[in-house]
Amino acid sequence: MIRSVVRGFGAHLPEKVMRNRDLEGVVETSDEWIIQRTGIRQRYIAGEHETTASLGEMAARAALDRAGMTPGDIDLIICATSTPDNTFPATAVNIQNRLGMHHGAAFDLQAVCSGFVFAVTTADSYIKSGLAKRVLVIGAETFSRILDWTDRTTCVLFGDGAGAIVLEAEEGEGTIADRGVLSAHLRSDGAHREKLYVDGGPSTTGTVGYLRMEGREVFKHAVGMITDVIEAAYDATGLGSDDIDWFVPHQANRRIIDASARKLGIADQKVVITVDIHGNTSAASIPLALNEAAADGRIKTGDLVLLEAMGGGFTWGSVLLRW
């Protein structure tokens, strides 16, 4: 069986750090209030000359360097983002050009905070079908561009950044001992649109719009939806929470992460947490967290890693892979 194996990983963050106390002069909030409700202490905010594509390019270069590859080795680029540089062309095409890559294909994938999980699943399908041998998967966002900075329920949550991995085809035995993606499960339900969305777009308002969220409603659905796709991963592989080496969830809110891990019986020491330093970076949050945990040596070759995310739409999904 062909497996999609992680060969490299990388990340890039904007220069500007915005701490909770910096927000106290922007909206009625406090460092204590934000930490208590979200676990966030700071986030990174893109500067005037930093864009989703520029952040994505740097994360991609870091991933390629770790993989020992060049852009010439890549067949396909998939960029998960909800904050593209332009309505079109795709940010992935922009990144492709910035990398000096003039072959293969590149496209964006939009599933909001679940984007990276959806992108890894898509890349895995391309690799297993033989349509690509090496895929650069990027999650990149500049959510600060779509925030209403007078709305304290949303502007304190989000940040900017990018992360990337390189996936490569490798022959496996078809067992759970194989390296690479072992299972992937995706879901969506548009009935929940009003709970988390952006109130603008080219076809409706002709504007970019601002992010709007019903926080309590999102929290109410999040844990159940996350559990759904993780249990699907367990059913597909015969594995369980005790087998997982690292749980790398979407970094939306510390309360959601903790509640999900408790419900699934995943030990605290197995959970990778970066929401405190990055905030919610939407499609970039999982690859940023992967980069942190792999770069500091926590995630090692052969480890069983569980990814999950939930985002606007609603969309949600899981990927179980052996590093």
C-alpha atoms as a PDB file:
ATOM      1  CA  MET A   1       0.000   0.000   0.000  1.00  0.00           C
ATOM      2  CA  ILE A   2       1.163   3.514  -0.805  1.00  0.00           C
ATOM      3  CA  ARG A   3       1.401   5.715   2.298  1.00  0.00           C
ATOM      4  CA  SER A   4       1.832   9.499   2.539  1.00  0.00           C
ATOM      5  CA  VAL A   5       4.827  10.031   4.823  1.00  0.00           C
ATOM      6  CA  VAL A   6       5.904  13.325   6.416  1.00  0.00           C
ATOM      7  CA  ARG A   7       9.399  14.184   5.180  1.00  0.00           C
ATOM      8  CA  GLY A   8       9.703  17.742   6.424  1.00  0.00           C
ATOM      9  CA  PHE A   9       7.958  20.395   8.470  1.00  0.00           C
ATOM     10  CA  GLY A  10       8.302  24.132   8.936  1.00  0.00           C
ATOM     11  CA  ALA A  11       6.615  27.284  10.163  1.00  0.00           C
ATOM     12  CA  HIS A  12       6.811  31.039   9.995  1.00  0.00           C
ATOM     13  CA  LEU A  13       5.315  33.759  12.189  1.00  0.00           C
ATOM     14  CA  PRO A  14       4.947  37.515  11.654  1.00  0.00           C
ATOM     15  CA  GLU A  15       7.412  39.854  13.327  1.00  0.00           C
ATOM     16  CA  LYS A  16       4.856  41.595  15.537  1.00  0.00           C
ATOM     17  CA  VAL A  17       3.766  39.998  18.806  1.00  0.00           C
ATOM     18  CA  MET A  18       0.511  41.264  20.330  1.00  0.00           C
ATOM     19  CA  ARG A  19       0.176  40.368  23.998  1.00  0.00           C
ATOM     20  CA  ASN A  20      -3.080  40.445  25.907  1.00  0.00           C
ATOM     21  CA  ARG A  21      -2.142  43.663  27.668  1.00  0.00           C
ATOM     22  CA  ASP A  22      -1.722  45.328  24.269  1.00  0.00           C
ATOM     23  CA  LEU A  23      -5.414  44.641  23.637  1.00  0.00           C
ATOM     24  CA  GLU A  24      -6.496  46.395  26.814  1.00  0.00           C
ATOM     25  CA  GLY A  25      -6.157  49.711  24.996  1.00  0.00           C
ATOM     26  CA  VAL A  26      -8.085  48.451  21.956  1.00  0.00           C
ATOM     27  CA  VAL A  27     -11.230  46.892  23.486  1.00  0.00           C
ATOM     28  CA  GLU A  28     -12.702  46.483  26.954  1.00  0.00           C
ATOM     29  CA  THR A  29     -10.829  43.396  28.091  1.00  0.00           C
ATOM     30  CA  SER A  30      -7.979  42.294  30.327  1.00  0.00           C
ATOM     31  CA  ASP A  31      -5.119  39.827  30.335  1.00  0.00           C
ATOM     32  CA  GLU A  32      -6.818  37.877  33.130  1.00  0.00           C
ATOM     33  CA  TRP A  33     -10.174  37.726  31.288  1.00  0.00           C
ATOM     34  CA  ILE A  34      -8.595  36.425  28.060  1.00  0.00           C
ATOM     35  CA  ILE A  35      -6.426  33.798  29.769  1.00  0.00           C
ATOM     36  CA  GLN A  36      -9.275  32.534  31.942  1.00  0.00           C
ATOM     37  CA  ARG A  37     -11.669  32.053  29.018  1.00  0.00           C
ATOM     38  CA  THR A  38      -9.307  31.023  26.227  1.00  0.00           C
ATOM     39  CA  GLY A  39      -5.829  30.179  27.527  1.00  0.00           C
ATOM     40  CA  ILE A  40      -4.344  32.706  25.087  1.00  0.00           C
ATOM     41  CA  ARG A  41      -1.503  34.944  26.295  1.00  0.00           C
ATOM     42  CA  GLN A  42      -0.310  36.379  22.984  1.00  0.00           C
ATOM     43  CA  ARG A  43      -0.659  36.120  19.236  1.00  0.00           C
ATOM     44  CA  TYR A  44       1.287  37.286  16.151  1.00  0.00           C
ATOM     45  CA  ILE A  45      -0.096  39.969  13.837  1.00  0.00           C
ATOM     46  CA  ALA A  46       1.007  40.381  10.223  1.00  0.00           C
ATOM     47  CA  GLY A  47       2.603  43.712   9.344  1.00  0.00           C
ATOM     48  CA  GLU A  48       1.853  45.840   6.309  1.00  0.00           C
ATOM     49  CA  HIS A  49       4.290  43.952   4.081  1.00  0.00           C
ATOM     50  CA  GLU A  50       3.439  40.477   5.384  1.00  0.00           C
ATOM     51  CA  THR A  51       0.704  38.496   3.640  1.00  0.00           C
ATOM     52  CA  THR A  52      -0.707  34.990   3.676  1.00  0.00           C
ATOM     53  CA  ALA A  53       1.485  34.131   0.680  1.00  0.00           C
ATOM     54  CA  SER A  54       4.677  35.572   2.191  1.00  0.00           C
ATOM     55  CA  LEU A  55       4.127  33.698   5.457  1.00  0.00           C
ATOM     56  CA  GLY A  56       3.252  30.537   3.542  1.00  0.00           C
ATOM     57  CA  GLU A  57       6.339  30.810   1.376  1.00  0.00           C
ATOM     58  CA  MET A  58       8.660  30.988   4.383  1.00  0.00           C
ATOM     59  CA  ALA A  59       6.957  28.033   6.088  1.00  0.00           C
ATOM     60  CA  ALA A  60       7.217  26.064   2.839  1.00  0.00           C
ATOM     61  CA  ARG A  61      10.932  26.821   2.490  1.00  0.00           C
ATOM     62  CA  ALA A  62      11.539  25.646   6.057  1.00  0.00           C
ATOM     63  CA  ALA A  63       9.660  22.398   5.401  1.00  0.00           C
ATOM     64  CA  LEU A  64      11.555  21.789   2.174  1.00  0.00           C
ATOM     65  CA  ASP A  65      14.887  22.408   3.920  1.00  0.00           C
ATOM     66  CA  ARG A  66      14.067  19.861   6.632  1.00  0.00           C
ATOM     67  CA  ALA A  67      12.993  17.384   3.953  1.00  0.00           C
ATOM     68  CA  GLY A  68      16.238  17.919   2.072  1.00  0.00           C
ATOM     69  CA  MET A  69      14.243  18.868  -1.017  1.00  0.00           C
ATOM     70  CA  THR A  70      13.894  21.773  -3.404  1.00  0.00           C
ATOM     71  CA  PRO A  71      10.767  23.168  -5.078  1.00  0.00           C
ATOM     72  CA  GLY A  72      11.773  21.140  -8.122  1.00  0.00           C
ATOM     73  CA  ASP A  73      11.028  17.949  -6.203  1.00  0.00           C
ATOM     74  CA  ILE A  74       7.393  18.916  -5.513  1.00  0.00           C
ATOM     75  CA  ASP A  75       4.507  17.843  -7.759  1.00  0.00           C
ATOM     76  CA  LEU A  76       1.663  19.689  -6.036  1.00  0.00           C
ATOM     77  CA  ILE A  77       1.082  22.534  -3.581  1.00  0.00           C
ATOM     78  CA  ILE A  78      -2.119  22.706  -1.534  1.00  0.00           C
ATOM     79  CA  CYS A  79      -2.606  25.804   0.576  1.00  0.00           C
ATOM     80  CA  ALA A  80      -5.337  25.749   3.203  1.00  0.00           C
ATOM     81  CA  THR A  81      -6.474  29.310   3.877  1.00  0.00           C
ATOM     82  CA  SER A  82      -9.554  31.449   4.448  1.00  0.00           C
ATOM     83  CA  THR A  83      -7.597  34.685   4.062  1.00  0.00           C
ATOM     84  CA  PRO A  84      -6.086  34.586   0.560  1.00  0.00           C
ATOM     85  CA  ASP A  85      -3.957  37.395  -0.795  1.00  0.00           C
ATOM     86  CA  ASN A  86      -6.460  37.880  -3.614  1.00  0.00           C
ATOM     87  CA  THR A  87      -9.891  36.569  -4.577  1.00  0.00           C
ATOM     88  CA  PHE A  88      -7.890  34.958  -7.376  1.00  0.00           C
ATOM     89  CA  PRO A  89      -5.408  33.663  -8.332  1.00  0.00           C
ATOM     90  CA  ALA A  90      -5.036  31.142  -5.528  1.00  0.00           C
ATOM     91  CA  THR A  91      -2.544  31.921  -2.799  1.00  0.00           C
ATOM     92  CA  ALA A  92      -0.976  28.519  -3.551  1.00  0.00           C
ATOM     93  CA  VAL A  93      -0.152  29.722  -7.071  1.00  0.00           C
ATOM     94  CA  ASN A  94       1.403  32.857  -5.602  1.00  0.00           C
ATOM     95  CA  ILE A  95       3.511  30.722  -3.257  1.00  0.00           C
ATOM     96  CA  GLN A  96       4.440  28.439  -6.152  1.00  0.00           C
ATOM     97  CA  ASN A  97       5.746  31.451  -8.062  1.00  0.00           C
ATOM     98  CA  ARG A  98       7.570  32.864  -5.027  1.00  0.00           C
ATOM     99  CA  LEU A  99       9.327  29.511  -4.662  1.00  0.00           C
ATOM    100  CA  GLY A 100      10.420  29.697  -8.302  1.00  0.00           C
ATOM    101  CA  MET A 101       8.413  26.588  -9.140  1.00  0.00           C
ATOM    102  CA  HIS A 102       6.972  26.571 -12.673  1.00  0.00           C
ATOM    103  CA  HIS A 103       5.773  22.983 -12.993  1.00  0.00           C
ATOM    104  CA  GLY A 104       3.152  20.798 -11.376  1.00  0.00           C
ATOM    105  CA  ALA A 105      -0.015  22.293  -9.918  1.00  0.00           C
ATOM    106  CA  ALA A 106      -1.091  24.472  -7.007  1.00  0.00           C
ATOM    107  CA  PHE A 107      -4.480  25.300  -5.546  1.00  0.00           C
ATOM    108  CA  ASP A 108      -6.142  26.630  -2.393  1.00  0.00           C
ATOM    109  CA  LEU A 109      -8.467  24.691  -0.134  1.00  0.00           C
ATOM    110  CA  GLN A 110     -11.017  26.478   2.052  1.00  0.00           C
ATOM    111  CA  ALA A 111     -12.419  24.702   5.094  1.00  0.00           C
ATOM    112  CA  VAL A 112     -11.627  27.439   7.639  1.00  0.00           C
ATOM    113  CA  CYS A 113     -10.008  26.039  10.807  1.00  0.00           C
ATOM    114  CA  SER A 114     -10.310  22.478   9.494  1.00  0.00           C
ATOM    115  CA  GLY A 115      -8.431  23.487   6.345  1.00  0.00           C
ATOM    116  CA  PHE A 116      -5.125  21.798   7.130  1.00  0.00           C
ATOM    117  CA  VAL A 117      -6.816  18.483   7.987  1.00  0.00           C
ATOM    118  CA  PHE A 118      -8.810  18.712   4.741  1.00  0.00           C
ATOM    119  CA  ALA A 119      -5.622  19.582   2.819  1.00  0.00           C
ATOM    120  CA  VAL A 120      -3.637  16.661   4.256  1.00  0.00           C
ATOM    121  CA  THR A 121      -6.524  14.338   3.383  1.00  0.00           C
ATOM    122  CA  THR A 122      -6.618  15.712  -0.169  1.00  0.00           C
ATOM    123  CA  ALA A 123      -2.848  15.378  -0.551  1.00  0.00           C
ATOM    124  CA  ASP A 124      -3.052  11.802   0.724  1.00  0.00           C
ATOM    125  CA  SER A 125      -5.677  11.027  -1.933  1.00  0.00           C
ATOM    126  CA  TYR A 126      -3.456  12.462  -4.676  1.00  0.00           C
ATOM    127  CA  ILE A 127      -0.501  10.407  -3.472  1.00  0.00           C
ATOM    128  CA  LYS A 128      -2.423   7.153  -3.076  1.00  0.00           C
ATOM    129  CA  SER A 129      -3.956   7.536  -6.543  1.00  0.00           C
ATOM    130  CA  GLY A 130      -0.532   8.069  -8.109  1.00  0.00           C
ATOM    131  CA  LEU A 131      -1.346  11.603  -9.273  1.00  0.00           C
ATOM    132  CA  ALA A 132       1.482  13.027  -7.167  1.00  0.00           C
ATOM    133  CA  LYS A 133       4.561  11.670  -5.422  1.00  0.00           C
ATOM    134  CA  ARG A 134       5.460  14.681  -3.289  1.00  0.00           C
ATOM    135  CA  VAL A 135       3.010  17.281  -2.019  1.00  0.00           C
ATOM    136  CA  LEU A 136       3.696  20.490  -0.138  1.00  0.00           C
ATOM    137  CA  VAL A 137       0.785  21.071   2.262  1.00  0.00           C
ATOM    138  CA  ILE A 138       0.532  24.554   3.751  1.00  0.00           C
ATOM    139  CA  GLY A 139      -1.779  26.163   6.278  1.00  0.00           C
ATOM    140  CA  ALA A 140      -1.436  29.945   6.163  1.00  0.00           C
ATOM    141  CA  GLU A 141      -3.621  32.736   7.513  1.00  0.00           C
ATOM    142  CA  THR A 142      -3.789  36.461   8.179  1.00  0.00           C
ATOM    143  CA  PHE A 143      -7.009  36.476  10.216  1.00  0.00           C
ATOM    144  CA  SER A 144      -6.129  39.876  11.645  1.00  0.00           C
ATOM    145  CA  ARG A 145      -7.274  41.307   8.289  1.00  0.00           C
ATOM    146  CA  ILE A 146     -10.876  40.125   8.828  1.00  0.00           C
ATOM    147  CA  LEU A 147     -11.291  40.951  12.519  1.00  0.00           C
ATOM    148  CA  ASP A 148     -13.606  43.615  13.878  1.00  0.00           C
ATOM    149  CA  TRP A 149     -11.280  45.216  16.408  1.00  0.00           C
ATOM    150  CA  THR A 150     -14.260  46.631  18.326  1.00  0.00           C
ATOM    151  CA  ASP A 151     -15.658  43.143  18.989  1.00  0.00           C
ATOM    152  CA  ARG A 152     -13.907  41.756  22.063  1.00  0.00           C
ATOM    153  CA  THR A 153     -15.528  38.344  21.657  1.00  0.00           C
ATOM    154  CA  THR A 154     -13.529  37.691  18.479  1.00  0.00           C
ATOM    155  CA  CYS A 155     -10.563  40.054  18.156  1.00  0.00           C
ATOM    156  CA  VAL A 156      -8.806  38.630  21.229  1.00  0.00           C
ATOM    157  CA  LEU A 157      -8.886  35.086  19.844  1.00  0.00           C
ATOM    158  CA  PHE A 158      -7.156  35.105  16.487  1.00  0.00           C
ATOM    159  CA  GLY A 159      -3.630  35.517  15.165  1.00  0.00           C
ATOM    160  CA  ASP A 160      -1.592  35.127  11.983  1.00  0.00           C
ATOM    161  CA  GLY A 161       0.995  32.594  10.874  1.00  0.00           C
ATOM    162  CA  ALA A 162       1.828  29.682   8.594  1.00  0.00           C
ATOM    163  CA  GLY A 163       2.970  26.091   8.852  1.00  0.00           C
ATOM    164  CA  ALA A 164       3.790  23.444   6.264  1.00  0.00           C
ATOM    165  CA  ILE A 165       4.694  19.800   5.789  1.00  0.00           C
ATOM    166  CA  VAL A 166       6.081  17.811   2.865  1.00  0.00           C
ATOM    167  CA  LEU A 167       4.324  14.509   2.182  1.00  0.00           C
ATOM    168  CA  GLU A 168       5.986  11.829   0.031  1.00  0.00           C
ATOM    169  CA  ALA A 169       4.756   8.498  -1.319  1.00  0.00           C
ATOM    170  CA  GLU A 170       6.282   5.462   0.345  1.00  0.00           C
ATOM    171  CA  GLU A 171       5.506   1.760   0.068  1.00  0.00           C
ATOM    172  CA  GLY A 172       3.912   0.416   3.233  1.00  0.00           C
ATOM    173  CA  GLU A 173       2.748  -2.999   4.378  1.00  0.00           C
ATOM    174  CA  GLY A 174      -0.839  -1.859   4.777  1.00  0.00           C
ATOM    175  CA  THR A 175      -0.755  -2.188   8.562  1.00  0.00           C
ATOM    176  CA  ILE A 176      -0.974   0.307  11.407  1.00  0.00           C
ATOM    177  CA  ALA A 177       2.775  -0.078  11.844  1.00  0.00           C
ATOM    178  CA  ASP A 178       3.326   1.788   8.557  1.00  0.00           C
ATOM    179  CA  ARG A 179       4.658   5.321   8.602  1.00  0.00           C
ATOM    180  CA  GLY A 180       2.394   7.956   7.047  1.00  0.00           C
ATOM    181  CA  VAL A 181      -1.310   8.720   6.999  1.00  0.00           C
ATOM    182  CA  LEU A 182      -3.273   5.783   8.429  1.00  0.00           C
ATOM    183  CA  SER A 183      -6.775   7.250   8.394  1.00  0.00           C
ATOM    184  CA  ALA A 184      -8.616  10.458   7.523  1.00  0.00           C
ATOM    185  CA  HIS A 185     -12.219  11.441   8.204  1.00  0.00           C
ATOM    186  CA  LEU A 186     -13.905  14.652   7.061  1.00  0.00           C
ATOM    187  CA  ARG A 187     -17.318  16.120   7.859  1.00  0.00           C
ATOM    188  CA  SER A 188     -19.335  19.286   7.195  1.00  0.00           C
ATOM    189  CA  ASP A 189     -22.795  20.625   7.951  1.00  0.00           C
ATOM    190  CA  GLY A 190     -23.834  23.959   6.451  1.00  0.00           C
ATOM    191  CA  ALA A 191     -26.815  24.248   8.778  1.00  0.00           C
ATOM    192  CA  HIS A 192     -24.440  25.778  11.330  1.00  0.00           C
ATOM    193  CA  ARG A 193     -23.250  28.612   9.076  1.00  0.00           C
ATOM    194  CA  GLU A 194     -24.574  31.470  11.223  1.00  0.00           C
ATOM    195  CA  LYS A 195     -22.605  30.310  14.256  1.00  0.00           C
ATOM    196  CA  LEU A 196     -19.216  31.093  12.694  1.00  0.00           C
ATOM    197  CA  TYR A 197     -18.861  32.994   9.428  1.00  0.00           C
ATOM    198  CA  VAL A 198     -17.594  36.146   7.719  1.00  0.00           C
ATOM    199  CA  ASP A 199     -20.289  38.701   6.880  1.00  0.00           C
ATOM    200  CA  GLY A 200     -18.959  39.623   3.440  1.00  0.00           C
ATOM    201  CA  GLY A 201     -17.741  38.288   0.127  1.00  0.00           C
ATOM    202  CA  PRO A 202     -17.411  39.122  -3.580  1.00  0.00           C
ATOM    203  CA  SER A 203     -20.803  37.647  -4.522  1.00  0.00           C
ATOM    204  CA  THR A 204     -22.818  39.103  -1.623  1.00  0.00           C
ATOM    205  CA  THR A 205     -21.498  42.397  -0.302  1.00  0.00           C
ATOM    206  CA  GLY A 206     -18.571  43.028  -2.624  1.00  0.00           C
ATOM    207  CA  THR A 207     -16.421  43.467   0.499  1.00  0.00           C
ATOM    208  CA  VAL A 208     -14.120  41.266   2.546  1.00  0.00           C
ATOM    209  CA  GLY A 209     -16.347  41.432   5.637  1.00  0.00           C
ATOM    210  CA  TYR A 210     -15.629  40.637   9.270  1.00  0.00           C
ATOM    211  CA  LEU A 211     -15.560  37.433  11.243  1.00  0.00           C
ATOM    212  CA  ARG A 212     -18.699  36.820  13.325  1.00  0.00           C
ATOM    213  CA  MET A 213     -19.057  34.089  15.913  1.00  0.00           C
ATOM    214  CA  GLU A 214     -21.540  32.752  18.454  1.00  0.00           C
ATOM    215  CA  GLY A 215     -18.922  31.508  20.871  1.00  0.00           C
ATOM    216  CA  ARG A 216     -21.180  29.514  23.171  1.00  0.00           C
ATOM    217  CA  GLU A 217     -22.808  27.723  20.243  1.00  0.00           C
ATOM    218  CA  VAL A 218     -19.433  26.819  18.756  1.00  0.00           C
ATOM    219  CA  PHE A 219     -18.238  25.454  22.100  1.00  0.00           C
ATOM    220  CA  LYS A 220     -21.472  23.488  22.539  1.00  0.00           C
ATOM    221  CA  HIS A 221     -20.970  21.610  19.265  1.00  0.00           C
ATOM    222  CA  ALA A 222     -17.168  21.398  19.220  1.00  0.00           C
ATOM    223  CA  VAL A 223     -16.461  18.595  21.674  1.00  0.00           C
ATOM    224  CA  GLY A 224     -19.089  16.263  20.200  1.00  0.00           C
ATOM    225  CA  MET A 225     -17.963  16.842  16.626  1.00  0.00           C
ATOM    226  CA  ILE A 226     -14.310  16.363  17.524  1.00  0.00           C
ATOM    227  CA  THR A 227     -15.144  13.120  19.340  1.00  0.00           C
ATOM    228  CA  ASP A 228     -17.098  11.909  16.291  1.00  0.00           C
ATOM    229  CA  VAL A 229     -14.171  12.024  13.857  1.00  0.00           C
ATOM    230  CA  ILE A 230     -11.632  10.736  16.350  1.00  0.00           C
ATOM    231  CA  GLU A 231     -13.769   7.724  17.193  1.00  0.00           C
ATOM    232  CA  ALA A 232     -14.071   7.159  13.429  1.00  0.00           C
ATOM    233  CA  ALA A 233     -10.269   7.088  13.236  1.00  0.00           C
ATOM    234  CA  TYR A 234     -10.115   4.576  16.068  1.00  0.00           C
ATOM    235  CA  ASP A 235     -12.757   2.377  14.433  1.00  0.00           C
ATOM    236  CA  ALA A 236     -10.906   2.438  11.100  1.00  0.00           C
ATOM    237  CA  THR A 237      -7.546   1.438  12.582  1.00  0.00           C
ATOM    238  CA  GLY A 238      -8.417  -0.576  15.674  1.00  0.00           C
ATOM    239  CA  LEU A 239      -6.403   1.877  17.764  1.00  0.00           C
ATOM    240  CA  GLY A 240      -7.464   3.838  20.829  1.00  0.00           C
ATOM    241  CA  SER A 241      -6.466   6.781  23.001  1.00  0.00           C
ATOM    242  CA  ASP A 242      -3.909   4.701  24.909  1.00  0.00           C
ATOM    243  CA  ASP A 243      -2.061   4.051  21.638  1.00  0.00           C
ATOM    244  CA  ILE A 244      -1.724   7.726  20.727  1.00  0.00           C
ATOM    245  CA  ASP A 245       1.696   9.279  21.358  1.00  0.00           C
ATOM    246  CA  TRP A 246       0.671  12.854  20.548  1.00  0.00           C
ATOM    247  CA  PHE A 247      -2.673  14.611  20.205  1.00  0.00           C
ATOM    248  CA  VAL A 248      -2.322  17.757  18.066  1.00  0.00           C
ATOM    249  CA  PRO A 249      -5.692  19.537  18.038  1.00  0.00           C
ATOM    250  CA  HIS A 250      -6.729  22.736  16.339  1.00  0.00           C
ATOM    251  CA  GLN A 251      -5.649  25.490  18.688  1.00  0.00           C
ATOM    252  CA  ALA A 252      -8.897  27.419  19.094  1.00  0.00           C
ATOM    253  CA  ASN A 253      -9.498  27.564  22.817  1.00  0.00           C
ATOM    254  CA  ARG A 254      -7.793  25.850  25.748  1.00  0.00           C
ATOM    255  CA  ARG A 255     -11.165  24.933  27.258  1.00  0.00           C
ATOM    256  CA  ILE A 256     -12.243  23.075  24.094  1.00  0.00           C
ATOM    257  CA  ILE A 257      -8.906  21.260  23.880  1.00  0.00           C
ATOM    258  CA  ASP A 258      -9.014  20.181  27.530  1.00  0.00           C
ATOM    259  CA  ALA A 259     -12.658  19.071  27.345  1.00  0.00           C
ATOM    260  CA  SER A 260     -12.025  17.052  24.184  1.00  0.00           C
ATOM    261  CA  ALA A 261      -8.964  15.314  25.615  1.00  0.00           C
ATOM    262  CA  ARG A 262     -10.847  14.442  28.812  1.00  0.00           C
ATOM    263  CA  LYS A 263     -13.811  13.013  26.919  1.00  0.00           C
ATOM    264  CA  LEU A 264     -11.518  10.891  24.757  1.00  0.00           C
ATOM    265  CA  GLY A 265      -9.353   9.765  27.649  1.00  0.00           C
ATOM    266  CA  ILE A 266      -6.166  11.264  26.228  1.00  0.00           C
ATOM    267  CA  ALA A 267      -3.601  12.029  28.924  1.00  0.00           C
ATOM    268  CA  ASP A 268      -2.654  15.685  29.425  1.00  0.00           C
ATOM    269  CA  GLN A 269       1.025  14.993  28.771  1.00  0.00           C
ATOM    270  CA  LYS A 270       0.182  13.758  25.257  1.00  0.00           C
ATOM    271  CA  VAL A 271      -1.585  16.982  24.205  1.00  0.00           C
ATOM    272  CA  VAL A 272       0.365  19.576  22.217  1.00  0.00           C
ATOM    273  CA  ILE A 273      -0.707  23.091  23.262  1.00  0.00           C
ATOM    274  CA  THR A 274       0.336  26.256  21.420  1.00  0.00           C
ATOM    275  CA  VAL A 275      -2.854  28.328  21.678  1.00  0.00           C
ATOM    276  CA  ASP A 276      -1.215  30.258  24.519  1.00  0.00           C
ATOM    277  CA  ILE A 277       1.523  31.638  22.268  1.00  0.00           C
ATOM    278  CA  HIS A 278      -0.159  31.683  18.831  1.00  0.00           C
ATOM    279  CA  GLY A 279      -3.861  32.239  19.527  1.00  0.00           C
ATOM    280  CA  ASN A 280      -6.250  30.753  16.990  1.00  0.00           C
ATOM    281  CA  THR A 281      -4.508  30.824  13.601  1.00  0.00           C
ATOM    282  CA  SER A 282      -7.244  28.849  11.839  1.00  0.00           C
ATOM    283  CA  ALA A 283      -5.786  26.580   9.113  1.00  0.00           C
ATOM    284  CA  ALA A 284      -2.250  27.399  10.290  1.00  0.00           C
ATOM    285  CA  SER A 285      -2.757  26.235  13.874  1.00  0.00           C
ATOM    286  CA  ILE A 286      -2.129  22.498  13.461  1.00  0.00           C
ATOM    287  CA  PRO A 287       1.020  22.803  11.313  1.00  0.00           C
ATOM    288  CA  LEU A 288       2.338  25.487  13.687  1.00  0.00           C
ATOM    289  CA  ALA A 289       1.754  23.127  16.626  1.00  0.00           C
ATOM    290  CA  LEU A 290       3.330  20.220  14.727  1.00  0.00           C
ATOM    291  CA  ASN A 291       6.372  22.361  14.033  1.00  0.00           C
ATOM    292  CA  GLU A 292       6.755  23.279  17.713  1.00  0.00           C
ATOM    293  CA  ALA A 293       6.484  19.700  18.948  1.00  0.00           C
ATOM    294  CA  ALA A 294       8.648  18.163  16.205  1.00  0.00           C
ATOM    295  CA  ALA A 295      11.325  20.872  16.342  1.00  0.00           C
ATOM    296  CA  ASP A 296      11.800  20.503  20.113  1.00  0.00           C
ATOM    297  CA  GLY A 297      12.051  16.723  19.834  1.00  0.00           C
ATOM    298  CA  ARG A 298       8.744  15.692  21.387  1.00  0.00           C
ATOM    299  CA  ILE A 299       7.359  14.172  18.185  1.00  0.00           C
ATOM    300  CA  LYS A 300       9.789  11.538  16.927  1.00  0.00           C
ATOM    301  CA  THR A 301       9.922   9.185  13.952  1.00  0.00           C
ATOM    302  CA  GLY A 302       7.482   6.334  14.493  1.00  0.00           C
ATOM    303  CA  ASP A 303       5.223   8.237  16.892  1.00  0.00           C
ATOM    304  CA  LEU A 304       1.475   7.934  16.408  1.00  0.00           C
ATOM    305  CA  VAL A 305       0.068  11.449  15.945  1.00  0.00           C
ATOM    306  CA  LEU A 306      -3.619  12.366  15.990  1.00  0.00           C
ATOM    307  CA  LEU A 307      -4.742  15.602  14.325  1.00  0.00           C
ATOM    308  CA  GLU A 308      -8.233  17.083  14.633  1.00  0.00           C
ATOM    309  CA  ALA A 309      -9.959  20.354  13.828  1.00  0.00           C
ATOM    310  CA  MET A 310     -13.331  22.044  13.661  1.00  0.00           C
ATOM    311  CA  GLY A 311     -14.094  25.237  11.772  1.00  0.00           C
ATOM    312  CA  GLY A 312     -16.748  27.512  10.356  1.00  0.00           C
ATOM    313  CA  GLY A 313     -19.389  25.986   8.172  1.00  0.00           C
ATOM    314  CA  PHE A 314     -19.275  23.809  10.293  1.00  0.00           C
ATOM    315  CA  THR A 315     -16.431  21.637   9.032  1.00  0.00           C
ATOM    316  CA  TRP A 316     -14.551  19.095  11.115  1.00  0.00           C
ATOM    317  CA  GLY A 317     -12.140  16.249  10.578  1.00  0.00           C
ATOM    318  CA  SER A 318      -9.340  14.037  11.851  1.00  0.00           C
ATOM    319  CA  VAL A 319      -6.113  12.574  10.485  1.00  0.00           C
ATOM    320  CA  LEU A 320      -4.226   9.768  12.206  1.00  0.00           C
ATOM    321  CA  LEU A 321      -0.648   9.336  11.049  1.00  0.00           C
ATOM    322  CA  ARG A 322       2.589   7.713  12.063  1.00  0.00           C
ATOM    323  CA  TRP A 323       5.400  10.282  12.004  1.00  0.00           C
END
